[in-house]
Amino acid sequence: MGGLVPDGPVVKRHVETFFRHKVLLSAPLILAAFVSVWYVAAQPKKYQSYTTAWFDTAVPAASTVDTGTGFNATPAGLGQSILQELAGTRDFLVKVGHDGPLAAYLAAHPTTKHGPSALLSKLTSLVKSPGGTAAVDDRIVSTLGGAISSQVVGPQILRVTLRGPDPTVTAGTLRVLMNDFQAELTNDRQARDQASVQYYQVRLDAAAKTLADAKAAQVAYEEAHPGVLNNPAADPQFSQLLSSVSNAQTQYAGLQTSFNDASLALTTVGGGTTYHVIDQPNGASVVSHRKKAIFAGVAGIFVGLAISILALTALTATDTAARNREDLEDTENVEVVATIQEMPRRRVSGRTRSS
């Protein structure tokens, strides 16, 4: 147990070193605490706005309100997956920023950083100072990246939350975000449905030609063989022609159904899902920074204390001043025969006045 705890002289030496350099050793702790308080106090207010959207399968598919299913496979869950994917793309975020008030706000506010972050930003801007649309686009991506969150409330309900630097800008950006999201869904679905129509149109035309050729071959055989219709099973070649016509008709009917479904989907607004916003994002509330402030304060004190302890250890290790007889005997190889204790300061000052 004795090896785990520093002995008395070691502790005393550290204490003596601290009091000899108390200003120097206290400076890191005070400076770190000051910077952490400065950082927290200078943080700009953050606002968040939310909206809720309704998703459902499109007609004529059965509604999930009636069928029911797990959250992971619901229209709202699928909508959340698509929104998360779009929120991870630069082009979509930049489009939202320029379609809404965010781009103008960022252009009018060259920096939203405060405190140490603002000081560091100014220092780096002396080396490189980008400007123009590219810089605004970068700030749009930086502002919106990670600021969009969503939660599936129910099979049809998706709640979307956005954080931003200004209440009006945040609410306006969220409205544009949901509109652009709906436009992406509609455009993508319409593009796919248009491709489906073209795909089935080509195959439907080919099936129609195949059916017409099969019927023409049947009619030509009937004209060449009068009376074959009286007993078609007795003529294997004619039976084969009838089978070809039947198969061609079946294939044509299937392609006709697929073509009609694709054409109907192309004309259906919203494509594969029905979507509309229920709660419009008309306001924004202040986001609390309490946890962040506590963490920053504790982290600042911890860092300052660690620096002070390291400095104290280094100063103590490099301090060769002799403070007791053991230090003289160990370092100077001399033998101390007597010591004179220092008189208390009160007694010294009293004798000086009396003399």
Protein backbone atom coordinates (compact mmCIF):
# COMPACT_ATOMS: atom_id res chain seq x y z
CA MET A 1 0.00 0.00 0.00
CA GLY A 2 2.87 2.36 0.75
CA GLY A 3 4.09 2.21 -2.85
CA LEU A 4 0.73 3.42 -4.19
CA VAL A 5 0.69 6.71 -2.23
CA PRO A 6 3.44 9.35 -2.61
CA ASP A 7 5.51 9.79 0.52
CA GLY A 8 5.35 12.95 2.61
CA PRO A 9 8.44 14.75 1.22
CA VAL A 10 7.27 14.27 -2.38
CA VAL A 11 3.86 15.74 -1.65
CA LYS A 12 5.42 18.55 0.33
CA ARG A 13 7.80 19.34 -2.52
CA HIS A 14 4.90 19.55 -4.98
CA VAL A 15 3.02 21.83 -2.62
CA GLU A 16 6.05 24.07 -2.19
CA THR A 17 6.54 24.22 -5.97
CA PHE A 18 2.90 25.17 -6.46
CA PHE A 19 3.09 28.05 -3.99
CA ARG A 20 6.33 29.27 -5.54
CA HIS A 21 4.66 29.35 -8.99
CA LYS A 22 1.00 29.70 -8.01
CA VAL A 23 0.25 32.40 -10.58
CA LEU A 24 1.84 30.45 -13.42
CA LEU A 25 0.20 27.16 -12.45
CA SER A 26 -3.21 28.73 -11.90
CA ALA A 27 -3.17 30.48 -15.28
CA PRO A 28 -4.07 27.38 -17.42
CA LEU A 29 -7.04 26.57 -15.22
CA ILE A 30 -8.32 30.15 -15.27
CA LEU A 31 -7.69 30.53 -19.01
CA ALA A 32 -9.40 27.25 -19.90
CA ALA A 33 -12.40 28.11 -17.73
CA PHE A 34 -12.58 31.56 -19.34
CA VAL A 35 -12.43 30.13 -22.89
CA SER A 36 -15.12 27.54 -22.15
CA VAL A 37 -17.43 30.18 -20.62
CA TRP A 38 -16.68 32.48 -23.57
CA TYR A 39 -17.47 29.71 -26.02
CA VAL A 40 -20.80 28.86 -24.37
CA ALA A 41 -21.87 32.48 -23.85
CA ALA A 42 -21.03 33.42 -27.43
CA GLN A 43 -22.99 30.59 -29.04
CA PRO A 44 -25.79 31.96 -31.22
CA LYS A 45 -29.32 30.87 -30.56
CA LYS A 46 -30.54 27.86 -32.47
CA TYR A 47 -34.16 27.45 -33.50
CA GLN A 48 -36.08 24.40 -34.57
CA SER A 49 -39.28 24.03 -36.54
CA TYR A 50 -41.28 20.89 -37.26
CA THR A 51 -43.92 19.65 -39.65
CA THR A 52 -45.91 16.46 -40.10
CA ALA A 53 -46.70 14.80 -43.41
CA TRP A 54 -49.21 12.11 -44.42
CA PHE A 55 -48.13 9.24 -46.66
CA ASP A 56 -50.27 6.48 -48.13
CA THR A 57 -50.30 4.13 -51.10
CA ALA A 58 -51.91 5.51 -54.24
CA VAL A 59 -55.18 4.38 -55.76
CA PRO A 60 -56.02 1.69 -56.83
CA ALA A 61 -53.70 -0.07 -54.35
CA ALA A 62 -55.18 -0.87 -50.93
CA SER A 63 -54.59 1.81 -48.30
CA THR A 64 -52.36 0.89 -45.37
CA VAL A 65 -55.00 2.47 -43.14
CA ASP A 66 -57.09 -0.61 -43.90
CA THR A 67 -54.40 -3.25 -44.34
CA GLY A 68 -51.97 -2.21 -41.58
CA THR A 69 -48.29 -3.17 -41.51
CA GLY A 70 -45.10 -2.72 -39.51
CA PHE A 71 -43.47 0.73 -39.28
CA ASN A 72 -40.44 -0.31 -41.33
CA ALA A 73 -42.58 -1.10 -44.39
CA THR A 74 -45.21 1.64 -44.06
CA PRO A 75 -45.53 4.55 -46.48
CA ALA A 76 -44.25 6.89 -43.74
CA GLY A 77 -41.24 4.65 -43.13
CA LEU A 78 -40.45 4.52 -46.83
CA GLY A 79 -40.86 8.29 -47.07
CA GLN A 80 -38.42 8.72 -44.17
CA SER A 81 -35.85 6.55 -45.93
CA ILE A 82 -36.10 8.62 -49.10
CA LEU A 83 -35.87 11.90 -47.18
CA GLN A 84 -32.75 10.72 -45.33
CA GLU A 85 -31.12 9.76 -48.61
CA LEU A 86 -31.93 13.12 -50.20
CA ALA A 87 -30.71 15.00 -47.11
CA GLY A 88 -27.33 13.33 -47.61
CA THR A 89 -26.90 14.76 -51.11
CA ARG A 90 -25.31 18.14 -51.82
CA ASP A 91 -27.50 19.05 -54.82
CA PHE A 92 -30.74 18.59 -52.89
CA LEU A 93 -29.55 20.67 -49.92
CA VAL A 94 -28.28 23.45 -52.19
CA LYS A 95 -31.59 23.47 -54.07
CA VAL A 96 -33.52 23.77 -50.81
CA GLY A 97 -31.25 26.60 -49.66
CA HIS A 98 -31.73 28.63 -52.83
CA ASP A 99 -35.44 27.87 -53.22
CA GLY A 100 -36.05 29.15 -49.68
CA PRO A 101 -34.78 32.08 -47.58
CA LEU A 102 -31.61 30.35 -46.31
CA ALA A 103 -29.26 31.38 -49.14
CA ALA A 104 -30.17 35.07 -48.83
CA TYR A 105 -29.81 34.91 -45.05
CA LEU A 106 -26.34 33.35 -45.25
CA ALA A 107 -25.26 35.86 -47.89
CA ALA A 108 -26.34 38.73 -45.60
CA HIS A 109 -24.56 37.16 -42.62
CA PRO A 110 -20.96 36.41 -43.68
CA THR A 111 -20.42 34.28 -40.60
CA THR A 112 -22.65 32.73 -37.99
CA LYS A 113 -19.71 31.78 -35.77
CA HIS A 114 -19.07 33.46 -32.43
CA GLY A 115 -16.49 33.33 -29.69
CA PRO A 116 -13.32 31.25 -30.25
CA SER A 117 -14.81 29.77 -33.44
CA ALA A 118 -15.23 33.24 -34.94
CA LEU A 119 -11.66 34.19 -34.00
CA LEU A 120 -10.30 31.04 -35.62
CA SER A 121 -12.45 31.67 -38.70
CA LYS A 122 -11.04 35.19 -39.06
CA LEU A 123 -7.49 33.91 -38.78
CA THR A 124 -8.04 31.27 -41.47
CA SER A 125 -9.78 33.79 -43.71
CA LEU A 126 -6.54 35.77 -43.84
CA VAL A 127 -4.95 32.82 -45.61
CA LYS A 128 -7.89 31.91 -47.83
CA SER A 129 -11.02 33.95 -48.30
CA PRO A 130 -13.44 32.19 -50.67
CA GLY A 131 -16.47 34.03 -51.89
CA GLY A 132 -19.31 33.95 -54.36
CA THR A 133 -22.00 31.37 -54.94
CA ALA A 134 -19.71 28.43 -54.19
CA ALA A 135 -19.04 29.75 -50.70
CA VAL A 136 -22.76 30.24 -50.04
CA ASP A 137 -23.47 26.73 -51.32
CA ASP A 138 -20.85 25.32 -48.97
CA ARG A 139 -22.43 27.15 -46.05
CA ILE A 140 -25.87 25.90 -47.07
CA VAL A 141 -24.62 22.32 -46.97
CA SER A 142 -22.86 22.98 -43.65
CA THR A 143 -25.99 24.54 -42.16
CA LEU A 144 -28.49 21.92 -43.34
CA GLY A 145 -26.21 18.91 -43.00
CA GLY A 146 -27.17 17.18 -39.77
CA ALA A 147 -29.91 19.75 -39.05
CA ILE A 148 -32.69 17.64 -40.60
CA SER A 149 -34.18 14.89 -38.45
CA SER A 150 -37.31 12.79 -38.87
CA GLN A 151 -39.42 10.41 -36.82
CA VAL A 152 -42.07 7.93 -37.94
CA VAL A 153 -45.03 8.67 -35.67
CA GLY A 154 -47.35 6.12 -37.24
CA PRO A 155 -47.84 4.07 -40.40
CA GLN A 156 -48.92 7.20 -42.30
CA ILE A 157 -47.42 10.06 -40.26
CA LEU A 158 -43.84 11.33 -40.56
CA ARG A 159 -42.60 14.16 -38.33
CA VAL A 160 -39.74 16.23 -39.77
CA THR A 161 -37.69 18.70 -37.68
CA LEU A 162 -35.21 21.31 -38.91
CA ARG A 163 -32.74 23.39 -36.88
CA GLY A 164 -31.53 26.77 -38.10
CA PRO A 165 -30.05 30.14 -37.09
CA ASP A 166 -33.23 32.22 -37.37
CA PRO A 167 -36.87 31.40 -36.53
CA THR A 168 -38.36 32.83 -39.73
CA VAL A 169 -35.63 31.40 -41.95
CA THR A 170 -35.89 28.00 -40.28
CA ALA A 171 -39.65 27.73 -40.73
CA GLY A 172 -39.47 29.00 -44.32
CA THR A 173 -36.66 26.59 -45.19
CA LEU A 174 -38.60 23.66 -43.75
CA ARG A 175 -41.64 24.53 -45.90
CA VAL A 176 -39.43 24.60 -49.00
CA LEU A 177 -37.76 21.38 -47.90
CA MET A 178 -41.08 19.53 -47.81
CA ASN A 179 -42.15 21.02 -51.14
CA ASP A 180 -38.88 20.05 -52.82
CA PHE A 181 -39.14 16.61 -51.24
CA GLN A 182 -42.60 16.14 -52.72
CA ALA A 183 -41.34 17.38 -56.09
CA GLU A 184 -38.50 14.86 -55.99
CA LEU A 185 -40.95 12.06 -55.24
CA THR A 186 -43.29 13.13 -58.02
CA ASN A 187 -40.58 13.73 -60.62
CA ASP A 188 -38.85 10.44 -59.90
CA ARG A 189 -42.10 8.48 -60.02
CA GLN A 190 -43.24 10.21 -63.20
CA ALA A 191 -39.88 9.52 -64.85
CA ARG A 192 -40.14 5.86 -63.92
CA ASP A 193 -43.77 5.67 -65.08
CA GLN A 194 -42.85 7.34 -68.38
CA ALA A 195 -40.10 4.77 -68.85
CA SER A 196 -42.59 2.01 -68.02
CA VAL A 197 -45.07 3.32 -70.61
CA GLN A 198 -42.34 3.36 -73.25
CA TYR A 199 -41.15 -0.10 -72.22
CA TYR A 200 -44.61 -1.69 -72.48
CA GLN A 201 -45.51 0.26 -75.64
CA VAL A 202 -42.66 -1.34 -77.58
CA ARG A 203 -43.56 -4.82 -76.37
CA LEU A 204 -47.28 -4.24 -76.89
CA ASP A 205 -46.66 -3.25 -80.53
CA ALA A 206 -44.57 -6.38 -81.04
CA ALA A 207 -47.26 -8.56 -79.41
CA ALA A 208 -49.93 -6.97 -81.62
CA LYS A 209 -47.91 -7.80 -84.72
CA THR A 210 -47.37 -11.36 -83.50
CA LEU A 211 -51.11 -11.77 -82.88
CA ALA A 212 -52.00 -10.34 -86.29
CA ASP A 213 -49.54 -12.66 -88.01
CA ALA A 214 -50.94 -15.69 -86.13
CA LYS A 215 -54.51 -14.79 -87.08
CA ALA A 216 -53.50 -14.21 -90.71
CA ALA A 217 -51.85 -17.65 -90.81
CA GLN A 218 -55.00 -19.23 -89.36
CA VAL A 219 -57.27 -17.50 -91.91
CA ALA A 220 -54.99 -18.50 -94.79
CA TYR A 221 -55.00 -22.14 -93.67
CA GLU A 222 -58.80 -22.15 -93.36
CA GLU A 223 -59.14 -20.81 -96.91
CA ALA A 224 -56.74 -23.42 -98.20
CA HIS A 225 -58.48 -26.26 -96.35
CA PRO A 226 -62.28 -25.84 -96.48
CA GLY A 227 -64.13 -27.71 -93.76
CA VAL A 228 -61.22 -27.78 -91.36
CA LEU A 229 -63.31 -25.90 -88.80
CA ASN A 230 -65.75 -28.83 -88.66
CA ASN A 231 -63.16 -30.99 -86.90
CA PRO A 232 -60.08 -28.87 -85.99
CA ALA A 233 -58.64 -31.54 -83.68
CA ALA A 234 -58.29 -33.93 -86.64
CA ASP A 235 -55.73 -31.60 -88.27
CA PRO A 236 -52.54 -31.24 -86.17
CA GLN A 237 -51.20 -28.34 -88.23
CA PHE A 238 -54.42 -26.37 -87.80
CA SER A 239 -54.43 -27.17 -84.08
CA GLN A 240 -50.93 -25.70 -83.87
CA LEU A 241 -52.11 -22.54 -85.60
CA LEU A 242 -55.02 -22.20 -83.14
CA SER A 243 -52.62 -22.66 -80.24
CA SER A 244 -50.32 -19.94 -81.62
CA VAL A 245 -53.25 -17.52 -81.90
CA SER A 246 -54.35 -18.33 -78.33
CA ASN A 247 -50.86 -17.77 -76.92
CA ALA A 248 -50.46 -14.54 -78.84
CA GLN A 249 -53.81 -13.29 -77.54
CA THR A 250 -52.82 -14.14 -73.92
CA GLN A 251 -49.47 -12.37 -74.24
CA TYR A 252 -51.08 -9.34 -75.86
CA ALA A 253 -53.75 -9.12 -73.14
CA GLY A 254 -51.11 -9.21 -70.36
CA LEU A 255 -49.02 -6.51 -71.98
CA GLN A 256 -52.14 -4.43 -72.60
CA THR A 257 -52.96 -4.58 -68.87
CA SER A 258 -49.42 -3.59 -67.88
CA PHE A 259 -49.45 -0.75 -70.41
CA ASN A 260 -52.77 0.55 -69.09
CA ASP A 261 -51.50 0.42 -65.47
CA ALA A 262 -48.34 2.32 -66.40
CA SER A 263 -50.38 4.92 -68.29
CA LEU A 264 -52.71 5.33 -65.33
CA ALA A 265 -49.79 5.73 -62.90
CA LEU A 266 -48.27 8.36 -65.18
CA THR A 267 -51.40 10.48 -64.96
CA THR A 268 -51.79 10.01 -61.17
CA VAL A 269 -50.44 12.96 -59.20
CA GLY A 270 -47.99 11.77 -56.58
CA GLY A 271 -47.03 8.56 -58.33
CA GLY A 272 -46.71 5.53 -56.06
CA THR A 273 -47.69 7.31 -52.84
CA THR A 274 -50.14 9.97 -51.79
CA TYR A 275 -48.48 12.72 -49.80
CA HIS A 276 -49.50 15.99 -48.20
CA VAL A 277 -48.36 18.16 -45.31
CA ILE A 278 -50.67 18.21 -42.30
CA ASP A 279 -48.98 20.70 -39.92
CA GLN A 280 -47.38 23.59 -41.76
CA PRO A 281 -44.09 24.83 -40.18
CA ASN A 282 -45.35 28.29 -39.25
CA GLY A 283 -42.99 28.95 -36.32
CA ALA A 284 -39.79 27.93 -34.57
CA SER A 285 -38.76 27.53 -30.94
CA VAL A 286 -35.40 28.12 -29.26
CA VAL A 287 -33.21 25.05 -28.79
CA SER A 288 -31.77 24.66 -25.30
CA HIS A 289 -27.97 24.67 -24.94
CA ARG A 290 -27.94 23.56 -21.30
CA LYS A 291 -26.26 20.20 -21.88
CA LYS A 292 -23.75 21.74 -24.24
CA ALA A 293 -22.93 24.48 -21.74
CA ILE A 294 -22.40 22.02 -18.90
CA PHE A 295 -20.22 19.80 -21.04
CA ALA A 296 -18.12 22.73 -22.29
CA GLY A 297 -17.63 24.07 -18.76
CA VAL A 298 -16.59 20.71 -17.33
CA ALA A 299 -14.32 20.01 -20.30
CA GLY A 300 -12.63 23.41 -19.95
CA ILE A 301 -11.97 22.93 -16.24
CA PHE A 302 -10.67 19.40 -16.84
CA VAL A 303 -8.29 20.53 -19.60
CA GLY A 304 -7.00 23.45 -17.51
CA LEU A 305 -6.51 21.22 -14.49
CA ALA A 306 -4.65 18.63 -16.55
CA ILE A 307 -2.30 21.30 -17.95
CA SER A 308 -1.67 22.70 -14.47
CA ILE A 309 -0.87 19.26 -13.06
CA LEU A 310 1.52 18.48 -15.91
CA ALA A 311 3.22 21.84 -15.47
CA LEU A 312 3.47 21.32 -11.72
CA THR A 313 5.06 17.90 -12.24
CA ALA A 314 7.56 19.31 -14.74
CA LEU A 315 8.52 22.24 -12.52
CA THR A 316 8.93 19.99 -9.50
CA ALA A 317 11.14 17.58 -11.44
CA THR A 318 13.40 20.37 -12.71
CA ASP A 319 13.57 22.25 -9.38
CA THR A 320 17.00 21.57 -7.81
CA ALA A 321 16.75 24.10 -4.98
CA ALA A 322 17.59 22.68 -1.54
CA ARG A 323 14.84 23.13 1.01
CA ASN A 324 15.94 20.78 3.82
CA ARG A 325 19.08 19.15 5.19
CA GLU A 326 18.48 15.95 3.23
CA ASP A 327 18.60 17.93 -0.03
CA LEU A 328 21.97 19.46 0.93
CA GLU A 329 23.46 16.17 2.00
CA ASP A 330 22.26 14.39 -1.16
CA THR A 331 23.22 17.04 -3.72
CA GLU A 332 26.23 18.84 -2.19
CA ASN A 333 27.81 15.86 -0.37
CA VAL A 334 28.09 17.91 2.81
CA GLU A 335 27.05 17.19 6.36
CA VAL A 336 24.67 19.63 8.03
CA VAL A 337 25.65 20.14 11.67
CA ALA A 338 23.02 22.72 12.62
CA THR A 339 19.95 24.50 11.24
CA ILE A 340 18.44 27.89 12.02
CA GLN A 341 14.68 28.07 11.71
CA GLU A 342 13.08 31.06 10.01
CA MET A 343 11.37 33.35 12.48
CA PRO A 344 7.66 33.99 11.94
CA ARG A 345 6.92 37.13 9.95
CA ARG A 346 4.92 38.73 12.79
CA ARG A 347 7.80 38.39 15.26
CA VAL A 348 10.31 39.74 12.76
CA SER A 349 8.20 42.78 11.96
CA GLY A 350 7.54 43.41 15.68
CA ARG A 351 11.22 43.44 16.60
CA THR A 352 12.02 45.75 13.71
CA ARG A 353 9.49 48.31 14.89
CA SER A 354 10.72 48.15 18.53
CA SER A 355 14.32 48.69 17.52
